[in-house]
Amino acid sequence: MSLAESLESLRKVDLADLDLNNLGSWPAPVKFITCILLLIAVLALGYNFHLKDMQTRLEQEQAQEETLKQQFSTKAFQAANLEAYIEQMKEMETSFGAMLRQLPSDTEVPGLLEDITRTGLGSGLEFEEIKLQPEVAQQFYIELPIEIKAVGNYHDLATFVSGVASLPRIVTLHDFELKPESAETTSRLRMSILAKTYRYNDKGAQQ
């Protein structure tokens, strides 16, 4: 049958006359077109249910590949600079050890109090009170607050503060309060100050 004859027979086909229960009786051109349509439908369904899923997995694998490449690049850079990192770590350990040596131990606190007292007396101050406050524990260190009350002129007080800052041990000064010793004179001042020194908290560092 020629193409023209096939097209002519298709024009004469009434879809209402086609019996779905008897496909064998359908005209050959209708069977052919039906097979083409079924093939297209199968291919479309196959793409949606199989190829599309494979495409999604491929995209996931490509994304993972890119992540692995970045991780490899980072680790390669770290490996290339490993010796420099080791040297930096050694320098940090040395610096950290030097800082720890500046923190007094329990047995050195009385000596530190003597240094503070000697610095004040050498500056011309008169101490009214030097009192240790309760310790304050932090993760890596423990604060040792020391409440200090002293009397002297402005120059003496400034010399004392400078002398405490120059002590070999770490001492920080907080909560300054200055006021005249009495209403009759303004040359002598009463100073209230909180000094803090620190010691290493080995228990906190091990947690």
N, C-alpha and C. Protein backbone atom coordinates (compact mmCIF):
# COMPACT_ATOMS: atom_id res chain seq x y z
N MET A 1 0.86 -1.19 0.00
CA MET A 1 0.00 0.00 0.00
C MET A 1 0.89 1.24 0.00
N SER A 2 0.58 2.18 -0.90
CA SER A 2 1.37 3.40 -1.00
C SER A 2 1.01 4.35 0.12
N LEU A 3 1.85 5.38 0.29
CA LEU A 3 1.61 6.36 1.33
C LEU A 3 0.31 7.10 1.09
N ALA A 4 0.03 7.41 -0.18
CA ALA A 4 -1.21 8.13 -0.50
C ALA A 4 -2.42 7.28 -0.14
N GLU A 5 -2.32 5.98 -0.43
CA GLU A 5 -3.43 5.09 -0.10
C GLU A 5 -3.61 4.97 1.40
N SER A 6 -2.46 4.97 2.13
CA SER A 6 -2.53 4.87 3.59
C SER A 6 -3.20 6.09 4.18
N LEU A 7 -2.82 7.26 3.69
CA LEU A 7 -3.42 8.49 4.19
C LEU A 7 -4.91 8.54 3.87
N GLU A 8 -5.26 8.05 2.67
CA GLU A 8 -6.66 8.05 2.27
C GLU A 8 -7.48 7.12 3.16
N SER A 9 -6.89 5.96 3.49
CA SER A 9 -7.60 5.02 4.36
C SER A 9 -7.75 5.58 5.77
N LEU A 10 -6.75 6.39 6.21
CA LEU A 10 -6.84 6.99 7.53
C LEU A 10 -7.98 8.00 7.60
N ARG A 11 -8.21 8.72 6.49
CA ARG A 11 -9.29 9.70 6.47
C ARG A 11 -10.66 9.02 6.61
N LYS A 12 -10.73 7.79 6.09
CA LYS A 12 -12.00 7.08 6.13
C LYS A 12 -12.26 6.40 7.46
N VAL A 13 -11.23 6.36 8.32
CA VAL A 13 -11.38 5.65 9.61
C VAL A 13 -12.20 6.51 10.55
N ASP A 14 -13.18 5.92 11.16
CA ASP A 14 -13.98 6.58 12.21
C ASP A 14 -13.52 6.01 13.55
N LEU A 15 -12.93 6.87 14.39
CA LEU A 15 -12.40 6.40 15.66
C LEU A 15 -13.46 5.75 16.53
N ALA A 16 -14.71 6.16 16.34
CA ALA A 16 -15.79 5.57 17.14
C ALA A 16 -16.03 4.12 16.76
N ASP A 17 -15.63 3.75 15.53
CA ASP A 17 -15.83 2.37 15.08
C ASP A 17 -14.73 1.43 15.54
N LEU A 18 -13.63 1.96 16.10
CA LEU A 18 -12.52 1.11 16.51
C LEU A 18 -12.88 0.36 17.79
N ASP A 19 -12.65 -0.94 17.77
CA ASP A 19 -12.98 -1.79 18.92
C ASP A 19 -11.71 -2.02 19.74
N LEU A 20 -11.67 -1.48 20.95
CA LEU A 20 -10.49 -1.62 21.79
C LEU A 20 -10.26 -3.07 22.21
N ASN A 21 -11.29 -3.85 22.20
CA ASN A 21 -11.15 -5.25 22.59
C ASN A 21 -10.70 -6.13 21.43
N ASN A 22 -10.63 -5.59 20.24
CA ASN A 22 -10.22 -6.35 19.07
C ASN A 22 -9.25 -5.50 18.25
N LEU A 23 -8.03 -5.36 18.77
CA LEU A 23 -7.04 -4.52 18.12
C LEU A 23 -6.62 -5.08 16.76
N GLY A 24 -6.75 -6.40 16.59
CA GLY A 24 -6.32 -7.00 15.34
C GLY A 24 -7.14 -6.58 14.15
N SER A 25 -8.33 -6.10 14.41
CA SER A 25 -9.21 -5.70 13.31
C SER A 25 -8.96 -4.26 12.87
N TRP A 26 -8.08 -3.56 13.57
CA TRP A 26 -7.84 -2.16 13.19
C TRP A 26 -7.08 -2.10 11.87
N PRO A 27 -7.28 -1.02 11.14
CA PRO A 27 -6.50 -0.85 9.89
C PRO A 27 -5.01 -0.74 10.18
N ALA A 28 -4.21 -1.20 9.20
CA ALA A 28 -2.75 -1.20 9.40
C ALA A 28 -2.19 0.18 9.72
N PRO A 29 -2.60 1.25 9.03
CA PRO A 29 -2.06 2.58 9.37
C PRO A 29 -2.37 2.98 10.81
N VAL A 30 -3.56 2.63 11.28
CA VAL A 30 -3.92 2.97 12.67
C VAL A 30 -3.05 2.20 13.63
N LYS A 31 -2.82 0.90 13.31
CA LYS A 31 -1.94 0.11 14.17
C LYS A 31 -0.55 0.71 14.24
N PHE A 32 -0.05 1.15 13.07
CA PHE A 32 1.30 1.71 13.02
C PHE A 32 1.40 2.98 13.87
N ILE A 33 0.44 3.87 13.70
CA ILE A 33 0.46 5.12 14.46
C ILE A 33 0.31 4.83 15.95
N THR A 34 -0.54 3.88 16.28
CA THR A 34 -0.72 3.52 17.69
C THR A 34 0.58 2.99 18.29
N CYS A 35 1.30 2.17 17.54
CA CYS A 35 2.59 1.64 18.03
C CYS A 35 3.59 2.77 18.24
N ILE A 36 3.61 3.73 17.31
CA ILE A 36 4.52 4.87 17.45
C ILE A 36 4.20 5.65 18.72
N LEU A 37 2.92 5.90 18.93
CA LEU A 37 2.50 6.64 20.13
C LEU A 37 2.84 5.88 21.41
N LEU A 38 2.63 4.57 21.40
CA LEU A 38 2.98 3.76 22.57
C LEU A 38 4.48 3.79 22.83
N LEU A 39 5.28 3.72 21.74
CA LEU A 39 6.73 3.76 21.90
C LEU A 39 7.19 5.09 22.51
N ILE A 40 6.59 6.18 22.03
CA ILE A 40 6.92 7.51 22.58
C ILE A 40 6.55 7.58 24.05
N ALA A 41 5.37 7.04 24.38
CA ALA A 41 4.92 7.05 25.78
C ALA A 41 5.86 6.24 26.66
N VAL A 42 6.29 5.05 26.17
CA VAL A 42 7.21 4.20 26.96
C VAL A 42 8.54 4.91 27.17
N LEU A 43 9.05 5.55 26.09
CA LEU A 43 10.32 6.25 26.22
C LEU A 43 10.21 7.42 27.20
N ALA A 44 9.09 8.14 27.15
CA ALA A 44 8.89 9.27 28.07
C ALA A 44 8.82 8.79 29.51
N LEU A 45 8.07 7.70 29.74
CA LEU A 45 7.98 7.16 31.10
C LEU A 45 9.33 6.63 31.57
N GLY A 46 10.04 5.99 30.65
CA GLY A 46 11.37 5.48 31.01
C GLY A 46 12.31 6.60 31.41
N TYR A 47 12.23 7.73 30.70
CA TYR A 47 13.08 8.88 31.05
C TYR A 47 12.72 9.41 32.43
N ASN A 48 11.41 9.58 32.67
CA ASN A 48 10.97 10.15 33.94
C ASN A 48 11.32 9.27 35.13
N PHE A 49 11.17 7.95 34.97
CA PHE A 49 11.34 7.05 36.10
C PHE A 49 12.74 6.45 36.21
N HIS A 50 13.53 6.53 35.17
CA HIS A 50 14.85 5.90 35.22
C HIS A 50 15.96 6.89 34.87
N LEU A 51 15.89 7.44 33.67
CA LEU A 51 16.96 8.33 33.25
C LEU A 51 17.01 9.60 34.10
N LYS A 52 15.84 10.12 34.48
CA LYS A 52 15.83 11.33 35.30
C LYS A 52 16.47 11.07 36.66
N ASP A 53 16.19 9.88 37.23
CA ASP A 53 16.80 9.52 38.51
C ASP A 53 18.31 9.38 38.37
N MET A 54 18.74 8.80 37.25
CA MET A 54 20.17 8.67 37.00
C MET A 54 20.82 10.05 36.83
N GLN A 55 20.10 10.98 36.19
CA GLN A 55 20.63 12.33 36.02
C GLN A 55 20.80 13.02 37.37
N THR A 56 19.83 12.82 38.26
CA THR A 56 19.92 13.41 39.61
C THR A 56 21.12 12.85 40.36
N ARG A 57 21.30 11.53 40.27
CA ARG A 57 22.45 10.92 40.95
C ARG A 57 23.77 11.40 40.35
N LEU A 58 23.77 11.57 39.03
CA LEU A 58 24.98 12.08 38.38
C LEU A 58 25.33 13.47 38.89
N GLU A 59 24.32 14.34 39.01
CA GLU A 59 24.56 15.68 39.52
C GLU A 59 25.06 15.64 40.96
N GLN A 60 24.52 14.74 41.78
CA GLN A 60 24.99 14.60 43.16
C GLN A 60 26.45 14.14 43.21
N GLU A 61 26.77 13.17 42.34
CA GLU A 61 28.15 12.68 42.29
C GLU A 61 29.10 13.78 41.83
N GLN A 62 28.65 14.60 40.87
CA GLN A 62 29.50 15.70 40.41
C GLN A 62 29.73 16.72 41.52
N ALA A 63 28.67 17.01 42.29
CA ALA A 63 28.82 17.94 43.41
C ALA A 63 29.77 17.37 44.45
N GLN A 64 29.65 16.06 44.74
CA GLN A 64 30.54 15.43 45.71
C GLN A 64 31.98 15.43 45.20
N GLU A 65 32.13 15.22 43.90
CA GLU A 65 33.47 15.25 43.31
C GLU A 65 34.12 16.63 43.50
N GLU A 66 33.34 17.70 43.31
CA GLU A 66 33.86 19.05 43.49
C GLU A 66 34.26 19.29 44.95
N THR A 67 33.43 18.77 45.88
CA THR A 67 33.75 18.91 47.30
C THR A 67 35.04 18.17 47.64
N LEU A 68 35.19 16.97 47.11
CA LEU A 68 36.40 16.18 47.37
C LEU A 68 37.63 16.86 46.77
N LYS A 69 37.47 17.48 45.60
CA LYS A 69 38.60 18.20 45.01
C LYS A 69 39.04 19.36 45.90
N GLN A 70 38.06 20.08 46.47
CA GLN A 70 38.39 21.20 47.36
C GLN A 70 39.07 20.70 48.63
N GLN A 71 38.56 19.59 49.19
CA GLN A 71 39.19 19.01 50.38
C GLN A 71 40.61 18.56 50.07
N PHE A 72 40.79 17.93 48.92
CA PHE A 72 42.13 17.49 48.54
C PHE A 72 43.07 18.68 48.39
N SER A 73 42.57 19.75 47.76
CA SER A 73 43.40 20.94 47.58
C SER A 73 43.81 21.53 48.94
N THR A 74 42.85 21.58 49.87
CA THR A 74 43.14 22.13 51.21
C THR A 74 44.17 21.27 51.93
N LYS A 75 43.97 19.95 51.90
CA LYS A 75 44.89 19.04 52.60
C LYS A 75 46.27 19.04 51.93
N ALA A 76 46.29 19.17 50.61
CA ALA A 76 47.58 19.23 49.91
C ALA A 76 48.34 20.48 50.33
N PHE A 77 47.61 21.60 50.46
CA PHE A 77 48.25 22.84 50.91
C PHE A 77 48.77 22.69 52.34
N GLN A 78 47.97 22.07 53.21
CA GLN A 78 48.40 21.87 54.59
C GLN A 78 49.63 20.95 54.66
N ALA A 79 49.61 19.90 53.83
CA ALA A 79 50.75 18.99 53.82
C ALA A 79 52.02 19.68 53.34
N ALA A 80 51.86 20.55 52.33
CA ALA A 80 53.02 21.26 51.80
C ALA A 80 53.59 22.24 52.83
N ASN A 81 52.72 22.73 53.72
CA ASN A 81 53.16 23.71 54.73
C ASN A 81 53.25 23.10 56.13
N LEU A 82 53.33 21.77 56.19
CA LEU A 82 53.35 21.09 57.48
C LEU A 82 54.53 21.52 58.34
N GLU A 83 55.71 21.62 57.72
CA GLU A 83 56.90 22.01 58.49
C GLU A 83 56.74 23.41 59.07
N ALA A 84 56.15 24.32 58.28
CA ALA A 84 55.93 25.68 58.78
C ALA A 84 54.96 25.67 59.95
N TYR A 85 53.91 24.82 59.86
CA TYR A 85 52.94 24.72 60.96
C TYR A 85 53.62 24.18 62.22
N ILE A 86 54.49 23.20 62.04
CA ILE A 86 55.20 22.63 63.19
C ILE A 86 56.07 23.68 63.86
N GLU A 87 56.76 24.48 63.05
CA GLU A 87 57.60 25.54 63.62
C GLU A 87 56.76 26.57 64.36
N GLN A 88 55.61 26.93 63.77
CA GLN A 88 54.72 27.88 64.45
C GLN A 88 54.22 27.31 65.77
N MET A 89 53.91 26.00 65.77
CA MET A 89 53.44 25.37 67.00
C MET A 89 54.52 25.40 68.07
N LYS A 90 55.75 25.15 67.67
CA LYS A 90 56.85 25.19 68.64
C LYS A 90 57.01 26.60 69.22
N GLU A 91 56.89 27.61 68.34
CA GLU A 91 57.01 28.99 68.80
C GLU A 91 55.87 29.35 69.76
N MET A 92 54.65 28.87 69.44
CA MET A 92 53.51 29.14 70.31
C MET A 92 53.69 28.45 71.66
N GLU A 93 54.21 27.21 71.66
CA GLU A 93 54.44 26.51 72.93
C GLU A 93 55.48 27.24 73.76
N THR A 94 56.52 27.75 73.09
CA THR A 94 57.54 28.51 73.81
C THR A 94 56.96 29.78 74.42
N SER A 95 56.16 30.51 73.61
CA SER A 95 55.54 31.74 74.11
C SER A 95 54.57 31.44 75.24
N PHE A 96 53.80 30.35 75.09
CA PHE A 96 52.84 29.98 76.12
C PHE A 96 53.56 29.61 77.41
N GLY A 97 54.67 28.89 77.27
CA GLY A 97 55.44 28.53 78.47
C GLY A 97 56.00 29.76 79.16
N ALA A 98 56.45 30.74 78.36
CA ALA A 98 56.96 31.99 78.96
C ALA A 98 55.87 32.74 79.70
N MET A 99 54.66 32.74 79.14
CA MET A 99 53.54 33.40 79.81
C MET A 99 53.17 32.67 81.09
N LEU A 100 53.20 31.33 81.04
CA LEU A 100 52.87 30.57 82.25
C LEU A 100 53.88 30.84 83.38
N ARG A 101 55.15 31.05 82.98
CA ARG A 101 56.16 31.32 84.02
C ARG A 101 55.94 32.67 84.68
N GLN A 102 55.16 33.54 84.03
CA GLN A 102 54.84 34.83 84.63
C GLN A 102 53.66 34.74 85.59
N LEU A 103 52.96 33.63 85.59
CA LEU A 103 51.84 33.45 86.51
C LEU A 103 52.35 32.85 87.81
N PRO A 104 52.07 33.46 88.93
CA PRO A 104 52.60 32.94 90.20
C PRO A 104 51.90 31.65 90.61
N SER A 105 52.63 30.80 91.29
CA SER A 105 52.03 29.61 91.88
C SER A 105 51.49 29.98 93.26
N ASP A 106 50.86 29.01 93.90
CA ASP A 106 50.31 29.28 95.24
C ASP A 106 51.39 29.74 96.21
N THR A 107 52.54 29.13 96.11
CA THR A 107 53.61 29.45 97.06
C THR A 107 54.25 30.81 96.78
N GLU A 108 54.02 31.37 95.57
CA GLU A 108 54.64 32.65 95.22
C GLU A 108 53.75 33.85 95.53
N VAL A 109 52.50 33.61 95.90
CA VAL A 109 51.59 34.72 96.17
C VAL A 109 52.06 35.58 97.33
N PRO A 110 52.50 35.00 98.46
CA PRO A 110 53.01 35.86 99.54
C PRO A 110 54.18 36.74 99.08
N GLY A 111 55.06 36.19 98.24
CA GLY A 111 56.18 36.98 97.74
C GLY A 111 55.70 38.11 96.85
N LEU A 112 54.63 37.85 96.09
CA LEU A 112 54.07 38.90 95.25
C LEU A 112 53.48 40.02 96.10
N LEU A 113 52.81 39.64 97.19
CA LEU A 113 52.27 40.65 98.10
C LEU A 113 53.40 41.50 98.70
N GLU A 114 54.51 40.86 98.99
CA GLU A 114 55.67 41.60 99.51
C GLU A 114 56.19 42.57 98.45
N ASP A 115 56.21 42.12 97.19
CA ASP A 115 56.68 43.01 96.12
C ASP A 115 55.77 44.22 95.98
N ILE A 116 54.46 44.00 96.07
CA ILE A 116 53.51 45.11 95.96
C ILE A 116 53.70 46.06 97.13
N THR A 117 53.85 45.51 98.33
CA THR A 117 54.04 46.35 99.52
C THR A 117 55.34 47.14 99.41
N ARG A 118 56.42 46.49 98.99
CA ARG A 118 57.72 47.15 98.87
C ARG A 118 57.65 48.26 97.81
N THR A 119 56.94 48.00 96.71
CA THR A 119 56.78 49.02 95.66
C THR A 119 56.03 50.23 96.19
N GLY A 120 54.97 49.99 96.97
CA GLY A 120 54.20 51.10 97.52
C GLY A 120 54.99 51.92 98.53
N LEU A 121 55.69 51.23 99.42
CA LEU A 121 56.48 51.94 100.42
C LEU A 121 57.63 52.71 99.76
N GLY A 122 58.21 52.11 98.72
CA GLY A 122 59.27 52.79 98.01
C GLY A 122 58.78 54.00 97.25
N SER A 123 57.48 54.00 96.93
CA SER A 123 56.89 55.16 96.23
C SER A 123 56.43 56.25 97.20
N GLY A 124 56.55 55.96 98.52
CA GLY A 124 56.14 56.96 99.51
C GLY A 124 54.70 56.83 99.97
N LEU A 125 54.06 55.71 99.67
CA LEU A 125 52.67 55.53 100.07
C LEU A 125 52.57 55.00 101.50
N GLU A 126 51.45 55.23 102.11
CA GLU A 126 51.11 54.63 103.41
C GLU A 126 49.92 53.70 103.18
N PHE A 127 50.12 52.41 103.44
CA PHE A 127 49.06 51.44 103.19
C PHE A 127 48.09 51.40 104.37
N GLU A 128 46.83 51.45 104.05
CA GLU A 128 45.80 51.26 105.06
C GLU A 128 45.31 49.82 105.09
N GLU A 129 45.34 49.17 103.92
CA GLU A 129 44.85 47.79 103.87
C GLU A 129 45.33 47.11 102.60
N ILE A 130 45.77 45.88 102.74
CA ILE A 130 46.05 45.00 101.60
C ILE A 130 45.39 43.67 101.94
N LYS A 131 44.34 43.34 101.20
CA LYS A 131 43.55 42.16 101.57
C LYS A 131 43.27 41.30 100.35
N LEU A 132 43.56 40.00 100.48
CA LEU A 132 43.24 39.05 99.41
C LEU A 132 41.73 38.80 99.36
N GLN A 133 41.19 38.78 98.14
CA GLN A 133 39.79 38.48 97.92
C GLN A 133 39.64 37.02 97.46
N PRO A 134 38.43 36.47 97.49
CA PRO A 134 38.24 35.08 97.02
C PRO A 134 38.68 34.92 95.56
N GLU A 135 39.25 33.76 95.28
CA GLU A 135 39.70 33.47 93.92
C GLU A 135 38.51 33.34 92.96
N VAL A 136 38.77 33.67 91.69
CA VAL A 136 37.76 33.54 90.63
C VAL A 136 38.34 32.61 89.56
N ALA A 137 37.76 31.42 89.43
CA ALA A 137 38.29 30.42 88.49
C ALA A 137 37.74 30.65 87.09
N GLN A 138 38.65 30.70 86.12
CA GLN A 138 38.31 30.72 84.71
C GLN A 138 38.77 29.39 84.11
N GLN A 139 38.59 29.22 82.79
CA GLN A 139 38.92 27.93 82.20
C GLN A 139 40.40 27.62 82.27
N PHE A 140 41.24 28.61 81.91
CA PHE A 140 42.67 28.34 81.83
C PHE A 140 43.48 29.03 82.93
N TYR A 141 42.84 29.88 83.70
CA TYR A 141 43.58 30.57 84.75
C TYR A 141 42.65 30.89 85.91
N ILE A 142 43.24 31.27 87.02
CA ILE A 142 42.50 31.63 88.22
C ILE A 142 42.91 33.04 88.61
N GLU A 143 41.92 33.91 88.77
CA GLU A 143 42.19 35.28 89.20
C GLU A 143 42.38 35.33 90.71
N LEU A 144 43.38 36.10 91.12
CA LEU A 144 43.62 36.32 92.54
C LEU A 144 43.48 37.82 92.82
N PRO A 145 42.27 38.28 93.19
CA PRO A 145 42.07 39.71 93.44
C PRO A 145 42.70 40.14 94.77
N ILE A 146 43.28 41.33 94.75
CA ILE A 146 43.89 41.90 95.96
C ILE A 146 43.36 43.32 96.13
N GLU A 147 42.67 43.57 97.20
CA GLU A 147 42.14 44.91 97.48
C GLU A 147 43.20 45.74 98.19
N ILE A 148 43.49 46.91 97.65
CA ILE A 148 44.55 47.76 98.19
C ILE A 148 43.97 49.14 98.51
N LYS A 149 44.26 49.63 99.71
CA LYS A 149 43.90 50.99 100.10
C LYS A 149 45.15 51.66 100.63
N ALA A 150 45.49 52.81 100.05
CA ALA A 150 46.73 53.50 100.43
C ALA A 150 46.51 55.01 100.35
N VAL A 151 47.43 55.74 101.01
CA VAL A 151 47.36 57.19 101.06
C VAL A 151 48.70 57.75 100.59
N GLY A 152 48.65 58.81 99.78
CA GLY A 152 49.86 59.47 99.32
C GLY A 152 49.50 60.61 98.40
N ASN A 153 50.49 61.37 97.97
CA ASN A 153 50.19 62.44 97.01
C ASN A 153 50.08 61.85 95.60
N TYR A 154 49.67 62.68 94.66
CA TYR A 154 49.39 62.21 93.31
C TYR A 154 50.63 61.58 92.67
N HIS A 155 51.77 62.21 92.89
CA HIS A 155 53.01 61.69 92.30
C HIS A 155 53.35 60.33 92.88
N ASP A 156 53.16 60.16 94.19
CA ASP A 156 53.45 58.86 94.82
C ASP A 156 52.54 57.77 94.26
N LEU A 157 51.28 58.09 94.09
CA LEU A 157 50.33 57.11 93.56
C LEU A 157 50.69 56.70 92.14
N ALA A 158 51.07 57.69 91.30
CA ALA A 158 51.46 57.39 89.93
C ALA A 158 52.72 56.53 89.89
N THR A 159 53.66 56.81 90.77
CA THR A 159 54.89 56.00 90.83
C THR A 159 54.57 54.57 91.23
N PHE A 160 53.65 54.40 92.17
CA PHE A 160 53.25 53.06 92.61
C PHE A 160 52.62 52.27 91.47
N VAL A 161 51.68 52.90 90.75
CA VAL A 161 51.02 52.21 89.64
C VAL A 161 52.04 51.79 88.58
N SER A 162 52.96 52.67 88.27
CA SER A 162 54.00 52.34 87.29
C SER A 162 54.89 51.21 87.79
N GLY A 163 55.20 51.23 89.10
CA GLY A 163 56.06 50.18 89.66
C GLY A 163 55.38 48.82 89.64
N VAL A 164 54.07 48.78 89.94
CA VAL A 164 53.34 47.50 89.90
C VAL A 164 53.30 46.95 88.47
N ALA A 165 53.12 47.84 87.50
CA ALA A 165 53.09 47.40 86.10
C ALA A 165 54.43 46.84 85.65
N SER A 166 55.51 47.22 86.33
CA SER A 166 56.86 46.76 85.95
C SER A 166 57.28 45.50 86.68
N LEU A 167 56.44 44.96 87.57
CA LEU A 167 56.79 43.73 88.29
C LEU A 167 56.96 42.57 87.31
N PRO A 168 57.85 41.63 87.63
CA PRO A 168 58.08 40.50 86.72
C PRO A 168 56.85 39.60 86.57
N ARG A 169 55.97 39.60 87.57
CA ARG A 169 54.75 38.81 87.48
C ARG A 169 53.62 39.66 86.91
N ILE A 170 52.66 38.99 86.27
CA ILE A 170 51.54 39.71 85.66
C ILE A 170 50.60 40.21 86.74
N VAL A 171 50.43 41.52 86.81
CA VAL A 171 49.49 42.14 87.75
C VAL A 171 48.74 43.21 86.98
N THR A 172 47.41 43.15 87.02
CA THR A 172 46.59 44.17 86.38
C THR A 172 45.85 44.96 87.47
N LEU A 173 45.57 46.23 87.19
CA LEU A 173 44.94 47.11 88.16
C LEU A 173 43.56 47.53 87.66
N HIS A 174 42.57 47.52 88.56
CA HIS A 174 41.18 47.77 88.19
C HIS A 174 40.51 48.64 89.26
N ASP A 175 39.39 49.23 88.87
CA ASP A 175 38.48 49.93 89.79
C ASP A 175 39.19 50.99 90.63
N PHE A 176 39.85 51.93 89.95
CA PHE A 176 40.50 53.04 90.66
C PHE A 176 39.44 53.89 91.36
N GLU A 177 39.79 54.35 92.52
CA GLU A 177 38.96 55.34 93.22
C GLU A 177 39.89 56.27 94.00
N LEU A 178 39.87 57.54 93.68
CA LEU A 178 40.71 58.54 94.33
C LEU A 178 39.82 59.60 94.99
N LYS A 179 40.18 59.97 96.19
CA LYS A 179 39.47 61.07 96.86
C LYS A 179 40.42 61.68 97.89
N PRO A 180 40.20 62.94 98.26
CA PRO A 180 41.09 63.59 99.24
C PRO A 180 41.09 62.83 100.57
N GLU A 181 42.25 62.84 101.19
CA GLU A 181 42.35 62.15 102.48
C GLU A 181 41.44 62.81 103.52
N SER A 182 41.34 64.12 103.47
CA SER A 182 40.47 64.84 104.40
C SER A 182 39.99 66.12 103.73
N ALA A 183 39.00 66.74 104.34
CA ALA A 183 38.47 67.98 103.79
C ALA A 183 39.43 69.14 103.94
N GLU A 184 40.42 69.02 104.85
CA GLU A 184 41.35 70.10 105.11
C GLU A 184 42.46 70.19 104.08
N THR A 185 42.77 69.08 103.43
CA THR A 185 43.89 69.08 102.49
C THR A 185 43.52 68.34 101.22
N THR A 186 44.05 68.82 100.10
CA THR A 186 43.83 68.13 98.81
C THR A 186 45.14 67.61 98.23
N SER A 187 46.24 67.83 98.95
CA SER A 187 47.54 67.36 98.44
C SER A 187 47.71 65.86 98.64
N ARG A 188 47.09 65.31 99.68
CA ARG A 188 47.18 63.87 99.93
C ARG A 188 45.86 63.21 99.54
N LEU A 189 46.00 62.11 98.82
CA LEU A 189 44.84 61.40 98.30
C LEU A 189 44.75 60.00 98.88
N ARG A 190 43.52 59.54 99.04
CA ARG A 190 43.29 58.16 99.45
C ARG A 190 42.89 57.37 98.20
N MET A 191 43.64 56.31 97.93
CA MET A 191 43.39 55.50 96.74
C MET A 191 42.86 54.13 97.15
N SER A 192 41.78 53.73 96.48
CA SER A 192 41.27 52.37 96.60
C SER A 192 41.38 51.72 95.22
N ILE A 193 42.02 50.58 95.15
CA ILE A 193 42.28 49.95 93.86
C ILE A 193 42.25 48.44 94.03
N LEU A 194 41.85 47.76 92.97
CA LEU A 194 41.81 46.30 92.98
C LEU A 194 42.89 45.78 92.03
N ALA A 195 43.88 45.08 92.60
CA ALA A 195 44.92 44.47 91.79
C ALA A 195 44.56 43.00 91.56
N LYS A 196 44.83 42.53 90.36
CA LYS A 196 44.56 41.12 90.05
C LYS A 196 45.83 40.48 89.51
N THR A 197 46.18 39.36 90.11
CA THR A 197 47.23 38.54 89.54
C THR A 197 46.60 37.21 89.17
N TYR A 198 47.35 36.36 88.51
CA TYR A 198 46.74 35.16 87.93
C TYR A 198 47.68 33.97 88.10
N ARG A 199 47.06 32.80 88.20
CA ARG A 199 47.85 31.58 88.17
C ARG A 199 47.18 30.58 87.24
N TYR A 200 47.98 29.65 86.75
CA TYR A 200 47.49 28.70 85.75
C TYR A 200 46.51 27.73 86.38
N ASN A 201 45.38 27.51 85.68
CA ASN A 201 44.37 26.57 86.15
C ASN A 201 44.56 25.25 85.40
N ASP A 202 45.43 24.39 85.92
CA ASP A 202 45.72 23.13 85.23
C ASP A 202 44.51 22.20 85.21
N LYS A 203 43.65 22.27 86.22
CA LYS A 203 42.46 21.41 86.22
C LYS A 203 41.48 21.83 85.13
N GLY A 204 41.29 23.15 84.96
CA GLY A 204 40.37 23.64 83.94
C GLY A 204 40.87 23.32 82.55
N ALA A 205 42.18 23.38 82.32
CA ALA A 205 42.74 23.12 81.00
C ALA A 205 42.61 21.66 80.60
N GLN A 206 42.51 20.75 81.60
CA GLN A 206 42.41 19.33 81.31
C GLN A 206 41.00 18.90 80.99
N GLN A 207 40.00 19.74 81.24
CA GLN A 207 38.60 19.39 80.99
C GLN A 207 38.30 19.39 79.50
